[in-house]
Amino acid sequence: MPVLRLFLDANILFLAGYSSTSPVHDLVALARAGRCELVVSSYAVEEARRNLAAKGPADSLQAFNAVLADVTLVAEARAPALESAAAAALTDPADVPILAAAIQSSADVLVTGDRRAFGRFFRTTFRSIEILVLRDAIRRVLNLPLD
């Protein structure tokens, strides 16, 4: 079975730095074990870093940077992927580059907790990318049914 490629939204990266007990660390452990590949764009990294600097605990950026060591940075989305993502008509245009980078990087899954922008897409597939919340993404990697 091929290894799933999961694109992490900025809010998932934020959790990695914000909370040492977040299930995102379970996903990182699965990636370290070779069960999946985690990818992210610099756009998502910078958004998460900005939010952690403003709202996170004192050691959040250190924890965040440690998680980034296990994540592959992919190229920013170019015009074809941006146009494809724009067709999703997300409620927040700032999330178009996230979806576009997931499309361009050939991710299997976009992992996000952003209900406002992606909520209507949860557990559906858009342009061959399944959009899942963190808990469902972990279940998908473990080949468990989604509740």
N, C-alpha and C. Protein backbone atom coordinates (compact mmCIF):
# COMPACT_ATOMS: atom_id res chain seq x y z
N MET A 1 0.85 -1.18 0.00
CA MET A 1 0.00 0.00 0.00
C MET A 1 0.89 1.25 0.00
N PRO A 2 0.63 2.19 -0.91
CA PRO A 2 1.47 3.40 -0.95
C PRO A 2 1.27 4.26 0.30
N VAL A 3 2.30 4.98 0.65
CA VAL A 3 2.25 5.87 1.81
C VAL A 3 1.42 7.10 1.46
N LEU A 4 0.48 7.45 2.34
CA LEU A 4 -0.34 8.63 2.11
C LEU A 4 0.48 9.90 2.28
N ARG A 5 0.20 10.86 1.42
CA ARG A 5 0.85 12.16 1.50
C ARG A 5 -0.18 13.13 2.06
N LEU A 6 0.10 13.70 3.23
CA LEU A 6 -0.82 14.59 3.91
C LEU A 6 -0.28 16.01 3.94
N PHE A 7 -1.08 16.93 3.43
CA PHE A 7 -0.74 18.35 3.47
C PHE A 7 -1.34 18.93 4.74
N LEU A 8 -0.52 19.61 5.54
CA LEU A 8 -0.97 20.19 6.80
C LEU A 8 -1.33 21.66 6.63
N ASP A 9 -2.54 22.00 7.03
CA ASP A 9 -2.97 23.40 7.02
C ASP A 9 -2.26 24.13 8.16
N ALA A 10 -2.24 25.43 8.09
CA ALA A 10 -1.55 26.25 9.11
C ALA A 10 -2.11 26.01 10.50
N ASN A 11 -3.41 25.78 10.63
CA ASN A 11 -3.97 25.58 11.97
C ASN A 11 -3.50 24.27 12.60
N ILE A 12 -3.19 23.29 11.79
CA ILE A 12 -2.64 22.03 12.31
C ILE A 12 -1.20 22.25 12.74
N LEU A 13 -0.44 22.99 11.96
CA LEU A 13 0.92 23.35 12.36
C LEU A 13 0.92 24.17 13.65
N PHE A 14 -0.03 25.07 13.76
CA PHE A 14 -0.17 25.88 14.97
C PHE A 14 -0.32 24.98 16.20
N LEU A 15 -1.18 23.97 16.09
CA LEU A 15 -1.39 23.04 17.21
C LEU A 15 -0.11 22.33 17.62
N ALA A 16 0.74 22.04 16.64
CA ALA A 16 2.00 21.35 16.92
C ALA A 16 2.87 22.16 17.86
N GLY A 17 2.87 23.47 17.70
CA GLY A 17 3.65 24.32 18.58
C GLY A 17 2.92 24.70 19.85
N TYR A 18 1.61 24.80 19.76
CA TYR A 18 0.80 25.29 20.88
C TYR A 18 0.62 24.27 21.99
N SER A 19 0.48 23.00 21.61
CA SER A 19 0.16 21.97 22.61
C SER A 19 0.99 20.71 22.41
N SER A 20 1.72 20.35 23.43
CA SER A 20 2.53 19.12 23.36
C SER A 20 1.67 17.88 23.42
N THR A 21 0.40 18.02 23.79
CA THR A 21 -0.49 16.86 23.89
C THR A 21 -1.46 16.76 22.71
N SER A 22 -1.34 17.64 21.74
CA SER A 22 -2.23 17.61 20.58
C SER A 22 -2.01 16.32 19.79
N PRO A 23 -3.08 15.76 19.24
CA PRO A 23 -2.94 14.57 18.38
C PRO A 23 -2.07 14.80 17.15
N VAL A 24 -1.76 16.05 16.82
CA VAL A 24 -0.87 16.29 15.68
C VAL A 24 0.47 15.60 15.93
N HIS A 25 0.87 15.47 17.19
CA HIS A 25 2.14 14.80 17.49
C HIS A 25 2.05 13.30 17.21
N ASP A 26 0.85 12.73 17.32
CA ASP A 26 0.65 11.33 16.93
C ASP A 26 0.84 11.18 15.41
N LEU A 27 0.34 12.16 14.67
CA LEU A 27 0.50 12.13 13.22
C LEU A 27 1.98 12.26 12.84
N VAL A 28 2.69 13.12 13.53
CA VAL A 28 4.13 13.28 13.29
C VAL A 28 4.86 11.97 13.60
N ALA A 29 4.46 11.31 14.67
CA ALA A 29 5.08 10.02 15.02
C ALA A 29 4.82 8.98 13.93
N LEU A 30 3.63 9.00 13.36
CA LEU A 30 3.32 8.07 12.27
C LEU A 30 4.19 8.38 11.05
N ALA A 31 4.43 9.64 10.80
CA ALA A 31 5.31 10.02 9.68
C ALA A 31 6.74 9.55 9.95
N ARG A 32 7.20 9.74 11.17
CA ARG A 32 8.56 9.28 11.52
C ARG A 32 8.69 7.77 11.34
N ALA A 33 7.60 7.05 11.57
CA ALA A 33 7.60 5.59 11.44
C ALA A 33 7.41 5.14 9.99
N GLY A 34 7.29 6.11 9.08
CA GLY A 34 7.14 5.77 7.67
C GLY A 34 5.73 5.42 7.24
N ARG A 35 4.75 5.71 8.08
CA ARG A 35 3.36 5.37 7.77
C ARG A 35 2.68 6.40 6.87
N CYS A 36 3.25 7.61 6.81
CA CYS A 36 2.70 8.67 5.96
C CYS A 36 3.80 9.69 5.72
N GLU A 37 3.54 10.59 4.79
CA GLU A 37 4.45 11.71 4.54
C GLU A 37 3.69 12.99 4.81
N LEU A 38 4.29 13.88 5.58
CA LEU A 38 3.68 15.16 5.89
C LEU A 38 4.34 16.24 5.04
N VAL A 39 3.51 17.06 4.37
CA VAL A 39 4.02 18.13 3.54
C VAL A 39 3.31 19.43 3.90
N VAL A 40 3.99 20.54 3.60
CA VAL A 40 3.44 21.85 3.92
C VAL A 40 4.09 22.88 3.00
N SER A 41 3.42 23.99 2.81
CA SER A 41 3.99 25.09 2.02
C SER A 41 4.54 26.15 2.97
N SER A 42 5.42 26.98 2.46
CA SER A 42 5.95 28.06 3.30
C SER A 42 4.85 29.04 3.68
N TYR A 43 3.83 29.18 2.85
CA TYR A 43 2.67 30.02 3.17
C TYR A 43 2.02 29.56 4.47
N ALA A 44 1.80 28.24 4.59
CA ALA A 44 1.19 27.69 5.80
C ALA A 44 2.14 27.81 6.99
N VAL A 45 3.42 27.58 6.76
CA VAL A 45 4.41 27.68 7.83
C VAL A 45 4.44 29.10 8.40
N GLU A 46 4.47 30.09 7.52
CA GLU A 46 4.54 31.47 7.97
C GLU A 46 3.27 31.90 8.71
N GLU A 47 2.12 31.44 8.23
CA GLU A 47 0.86 31.76 8.93
C GLU A 47 0.87 31.17 10.33
N ALA A 48 1.27 29.91 10.45
CA ALA A 48 1.32 29.26 11.76
C ALA A 48 2.35 29.95 12.66
N ARG A 49 3.50 30.27 12.12
CA ARG A 49 4.56 30.92 12.90
C ARG A 49 4.08 32.28 13.43
N ARG A 50 3.43 33.05 12.57
CA ARG A 50 2.90 34.36 12.97
C ARG A 50 1.89 34.22 14.11
N ASN A 51 0.98 33.26 13.98
CA ASN A 51 -0.04 33.06 15.00
C ASN A 51 0.54 32.55 16.31
N LEU A 52 1.54 31.69 16.23
CA LEU A 52 2.20 31.21 17.45
C LEU A 52 2.93 32.34 18.16
N ALA A 53 3.60 33.19 17.40
CA ALA A 53 4.31 34.32 18.00
C ALA A 53 3.34 35.25 18.72
N ALA A 54 2.14 35.40 18.18
CA ALA A 54 1.14 36.30 18.77
C ALA A 54 0.34 35.66 19.90
N LYS A 55 0.06 34.34 19.80
CA LYS A 55 -0.89 33.72 20.73
C LYS A 55 -0.35 32.52 21.48
N GLY A 56 0.82 32.03 21.11
CA GLY A 56 1.32 30.78 21.69
C GLY A 56 2.08 30.97 22.98
N PRO A 57 2.26 29.88 23.72
CA PRO A 57 3.08 29.93 24.93
C PRO A 57 4.55 30.22 24.57
N ALA A 58 5.34 30.55 25.57
CA ALA A 58 6.72 30.99 25.37
C ALA A 58 7.57 30.01 24.56
N ASP A 59 7.37 28.72 24.77
CA ASP A 59 8.19 27.71 24.09
C ASP A 59 7.56 27.18 22.80
N SER A 60 6.49 27.82 22.34
CA SER A 60 5.74 27.29 21.20
C SER A 60 6.55 27.29 19.90
N LEU A 61 7.34 28.31 19.66
CA LEU A 61 8.10 28.35 18.41
C LEU A 61 9.18 27.27 18.39
N GLN A 62 9.74 26.97 19.55
CA GLN A 62 10.74 25.89 19.62
C GLN A 62 10.09 24.54 19.30
N ALA A 63 8.92 24.28 19.88
CA ALA A 63 8.19 23.04 19.61
C ALA A 63 7.76 22.97 18.15
N PHE A 64 7.32 24.09 17.62
CA PHE A 64 6.90 24.19 16.23
C PHE A 64 8.06 23.85 15.30
N ASN A 65 9.21 24.44 15.54
CA ASN A 65 10.39 24.18 14.70
C ASN A 65 10.83 22.73 14.77
N ALA A 66 10.66 22.09 15.93
CA ALA A 66 11.02 20.68 16.07
C ALA A 66 10.12 19.82 15.17
N VAL A 67 8.85 20.14 15.10
CA VAL A 67 7.92 19.38 14.25
C VAL A 67 8.26 19.60 12.77
N LEU A 68 8.66 20.81 12.42
CA LEU A 68 8.98 21.08 11.02
C LEU A 68 10.11 20.21 10.50
N ALA A 69 10.94 19.69 11.38
CA ALA A 69 12.03 18.81 10.95
C ALA A 69 11.49 17.52 10.33
N ASP A 70 10.24 17.17 10.63
CA ASP A 70 9.62 15.95 10.12
C ASP A 70 8.62 16.21 9.00
N VAL A 71 8.62 17.43 8.48
CA VAL A 71 7.67 17.83 7.45
C VAL A 71 8.45 18.27 6.21
N THR A 72 7.96 17.88 5.05
CA THR A 72 8.59 18.27 3.79
C THR A 72 7.98 19.57 3.29
N LEU A 73 8.82 20.53 3.00
CA LEU A 73 8.36 21.80 2.45
C LEU A 73 8.19 21.64 0.94
N VAL A 74 7.01 21.99 0.44
CA VAL A 74 6.72 21.89 -0.99
C VAL A 74 6.64 23.29 -1.59
N ALA A 75 6.71 23.36 -2.89
CA ALA A 75 6.69 24.65 -3.59
C ALA A 75 5.34 25.34 -3.42
N GLU A 76 5.42 26.66 -3.45
CA GLU A 76 4.19 27.45 -3.43
C GLU A 76 3.39 27.17 -4.71
N ALA A 77 2.10 27.27 -4.59
CA ALA A 77 1.23 26.98 -5.73
C ALA A 77 1.40 28.00 -6.85
N ARG A 78 1.36 27.50 -8.05
CA ARG A 78 1.42 28.34 -9.24
C ARG A 78 0.00 28.50 -9.82
N ALA A 79 -0.11 29.28 -10.86
CA ALA A 79 -1.40 29.67 -11.43
C ALA A 79 -2.38 28.52 -11.67
N PRO A 80 -1.98 27.41 -12.32
CA PRO A 80 -2.99 26.37 -12.58
C PRO A 80 -3.61 25.82 -11.29
N ALA A 81 -2.80 25.58 -10.28
CA ALA A 81 -3.32 25.05 -9.02
C ALA A 81 -4.15 26.11 -8.29
N LEU A 82 -3.73 27.36 -8.35
CA LEU A 82 -4.50 28.45 -7.72
C LEU A 82 -5.87 28.59 -8.37
N GLU A 83 -5.91 28.47 -9.69
CA GLU A 83 -7.20 28.55 -10.39
C GLU A 83 -8.10 27.38 -10.03
N SER A 84 -7.50 26.20 -9.93
CA SER A 84 -8.26 25.02 -9.55
C SER A 84 -8.82 25.16 -8.14
N ALA A 85 -8.00 25.64 -7.23
CA ALA A 85 -8.44 25.82 -5.84
C ALA A 85 -9.51 26.91 -5.72
N ALA A 86 -9.38 27.95 -6.52
CA ALA A 86 -10.37 29.04 -6.48
C ALA A 86 -11.76 28.53 -6.83
N ALA A 87 -11.83 27.47 -7.64
CA ALA A 87 -13.12 26.90 -8.03
C ALA A 87 -13.88 26.31 -6.84
N ALA A 88 -13.18 26.08 -5.73
CA ALA A 88 -13.85 25.56 -4.53
C ALA A 88 -14.72 26.63 -3.87
N ALA A 89 -14.52 27.89 -4.22
CA ALA A 89 -15.28 29.00 -3.65
C ALA A 89 -15.24 28.96 -2.12
N LEU A 90 -14.04 28.90 -1.57
CA LEU A 90 -13.88 28.88 -0.12
C LEU A 90 -14.40 30.18 0.48
N THR A 91 -14.87 30.11 1.72
CA THR A 91 -15.40 31.30 2.37
C THR A 91 -14.32 32.32 2.69
N ASP A 92 -13.06 31.88 2.78
CA ASP A 92 -11.95 32.78 3.05
C ASP A 92 -10.93 32.65 1.93
N PRO A 93 -10.80 33.67 1.09
CA PRO A 93 -9.84 33.60 -0.02
C PRO A 93 -8.40 33.37 0.43
N ALA A 94 -8.07 33.69 1.68
CA ALA A 94 -6.71 33.46 2.20
C ALA A 94 -6.39 31.97 2.27
N ASP A 95 -7.39 31.11 2.21
CA ASP A 95 -7.17 29.68 2.27
C ASP A 95 -6.97 29.05 0.88
N VAL A 96 -7.20 29.80 -0.17
CA VAL A 96 -7.00 29.29 -1.53
C VAL A 96 -5.56 28.82 -1.74
N PRO A 97 -4.53 29.58 -1.30
CA PRO A 97 -3.16 29.08 -1.49
C PRO A 97 -2.87 27.78 -0.74
N ILE A 98 -3.56 27.53 0.36
CA ILE A 98 -3.40 26.27 1.10
C ILE A 98 -3.91 25.12 0.25
N LEU A 99 -5.15 25.23 -0.21
CA LEU A 99 -5.74 24.18 -1.03
C LEU A 99 -4.95 24.02 -2.33
N ALA A 100 -4.53 25.13 -2.92
CA ALA A 100 -3.77 25.07 -4.17
C ALA A 100 -2.43 24.35 -3.99
N ALA A 101 -1.74 24.62 -2.90
CA ALA A 101 -0.46 23.94 -2.64
C ALA A 101 -0.68 22.46 -2.41
N ALA A 102 -1.79 22.10 -1.76
CA ALA A 102 -2.12 20.69 -1.56
C ALA A 102 -2.36 20.02 -2.92
N ILE A 103 -3.09 20.70 -3.79
CA ILE A 103 -3.35 20.16 -5.12
C ILE A 103 -2.05 20.00 -5.90
N GLN A 104 -1.26 21.05 -5.94
CA GLN A 104 -0.02 21.05 -6.72
C GLN A 104 0.98 20.01 -6.21
N SER A 105 0.99 19.76 -4.91
CA SER A 105 1.95 18.81 -4.33
C SER A 105 1.46 17.37 -4.42
N SER A 106 0.33 17.16 -5.05
CA SER A 106 -0.26 15.82 -5.20
C SER A 106 -0.52 15.15 -3.86
N ALA A 107 -0.98 15.94 -2.91
CA ALA A 107 -1.34 15.39 -1.60
C ALA A 107 -2.56 14.48 -1.75
N ASP A 108 -2.61 13.46 -0.92
CA ASP A 108 -3.79 12.59 -0.87
C ASP A 108 -4.85 13.18 0.05
N VAL A 109 -4.36 13.86 1.09
CA VAL A 109 -5.25 14.38 2.14
C VAL A 109 -4.81 15.80 2.51
N LEU A 110 -5.77 16.69 2.69
CA LEU A 110 -5.54 17.99 3.30
C LEU A 110 -6.06 17.87 4.72
N VAL A 111 -5.17 18.07 5.69
CA VAL A 111 -5.55 17.99 7.11
C VAL A 111 -5.76 19.41 7.61
N THR A 112 -6.98 19.68 8.05
CA THR A 112 -7.32 21.03 8.49
C THR A 112 -8.38 20.98 9.59
N GLY A 113 -8.35 21.97 10.43
CA GLY A 113 -9.39 22.14 11.43
C GLY A 113 -10.23 23.36 11.14
N ASP A 114 -10.03 23.97 9.99
CA ASP A 114 -10.69 25.22 9.63
C ASP A 114 -12.10 24.93 9.13
N ARG A 115 -13.04 24.94 10.05
CA ARG A 115 -14.43 24.66 9.71
C ARG A 115 -15.05 25.77 8.86
N ARG A 116 -14.61 26.99 9.09
CA ARG A 116 -15.18 28.12 8.34
C ARG A 116 -14.87 27.99 6.85
N ALA A 117 -13.63 27.74 6.52
CA ALA A 117 -13.24 27.67 5.10
C ALA A 117 -13.51 26.31 4.47
N PHE A 118 -13.27 25.23 5.23
CA PHE A 118 -13.30 23.89 4.64
C PHE A 118 -14.41 22.99 5.17
N GLY A 119 -15.18 23.46 6.14
CA GLY A 119 -16.18 22.62 6.79
C GLY A 119 -17.11 21.88 5.86
N ARG A 120 -17.58 22.54 4.83
CA ARG A 120 -18.52 21.87 3.91
C ARG A 120 -17.82 20.80 3.07
N PHE A 121 -16.48 20.78 3.09
CA PHE A 121 -15.72 19.79 2.34
C PHE A 121 -15.21 18.63 3.20
N PHE A 122 -15.40 18.71 4.53
CA PHE A 122 -14.89 17.65 5.39
C PHE A 122 -15.43 16.30 4.94
N ARG A 123 -14.52 15.34 4.88
CA ARG A 123 -14.82 13.97 4.46
C ARG A 123 -15.30 13.87 3.02
N THR A 124 -14.92 14.84 2.22
CA THR A 124 -15.20 14.76 0.79
C THR A 124 -13.87 14.91 0.06
N THR A 125 -13.91 14.73 -1.24
CA THR A 125 -12.72 14.84 -2.07
C THR A 125 -12.91 16.01 -3.03
N PHE A 126 -11.90 16.85 -3.09
CA PHE A 126 -11.90 17.96 -4.03
C PHE A 126 -10.62 17.85 -4.85
N ARG A 127 -10.76 17.73 -6.17
CA ARG A 127 -9.60 17.61 -7.06
C ARG A 127 -8.65 16.51 -6.59
N SER A 128 -9.21 15.39 -6.23
CA SER A 128 -8.50 14.17 -5.80
C SER A 128 -7.85 14.27 -4.42
N ILE A 129 -8.18 15.32 -3.65
CA ILE A 129 -7.64 15.46 -2.30
C ILE A 129 -8.78 15.30 -1.31
N GLU A 130 -8.62 14.35 -0.42
CA GLU A 130 -9.60 14.16 0.64
C GLU A 130 -9.34 15.20 1.72
N ILE A 131 -10.39 15.86 2.17
CA ILE A 131 -10.24 16.92 3.18
C ILE A 131 -10.76 16.37 4.50
N LEU A 132 -9.83 16.28 5.46
CA LEU A 132 -10.14 15.65 6.74
C LEU A 132 -9.68 16.49 7.92
N VAL A 133 -10.41 16.35 9.03
CA VAL A 133 -9.93 16.91 10.29
C VAL A 133 -8.82 15.99 10.81
N LEU A 134 -8.08 16.46 11.78
CA LEU A 134 -6.92 15.75 12.29
C LEU A 134 -7.24 14.33 12.74
N ARG A 135 -8.27 14.17 13.52
CA ARG A 135 -8.63 12.83 14.03
C ARG A 135 -8.92 11.86 12.88
N ASP A 136 -9.64 12.33 11.87
CA ASP A 136 -9.95 11.47 10.72
C ASP A 136 -8.70 11.17 9.91
N ALA A 137 -7.79 12.13 9.81
CA ALA A 137 -6.55 11.90 9.07
C ALA A 137 -5.72 10.80 9.73
N ILE A 138 -5.66 10.83 11.05
CA ILE A 138 -4.93 9.78 11.77
C ILE A 138 -5.58 8.43 11.52
N ARG A 139 -6.90 8.38 11.57
CA ARG A 139 -7.61 7.12 11.29
C ARG A 139 -7.35 6.64 9.86
N ARG A 140 -7.29 7.57 8.92
CA ARG A 140 -7.02 7.21 7.53
C ARG A 140 -5.62 6.61 7.39
N VAL A 141 -4.63 7.21 8.04
CA VAL A 141 -3.26 6.69 8.00
C VAL A 141 -3.20 5.30 8.59
N LEU A 142 -3.95 5.08 9.65
CA LEU A 142 -3.96 3.78 10.33
C LEU A 142 -4.88 2.78 9.63
N ASN A 143 -5.50 3.21 8.53
CA ASN A 143 -6.41 2.36 7.77
C ASN A 143 -7.61 1.91 8.60
N LEU A 144 -8.09 2.81 9.44
CA LEU A 144 -9.27 2.55 10.26
C LEU A 144 -10.46 3.26 9.64
N PRO A 145 -11.67 2.74 9.85
CA PRO A 145 -12.84 3.43 9.30
C PRO A 145 -13.05 4.77 10.00
N LEU A 146 -13.58 5.73 9.26
CA LEU A 146 -13.95 6.99 9.85
C LEU A 146 -15.28 6.80 10.55
N ASP A 147 -15.40 7.32 11.75
CA ASP A 147 -16.65 7.13 12.52
C ASP A 147 -17.79 7.85 11.85
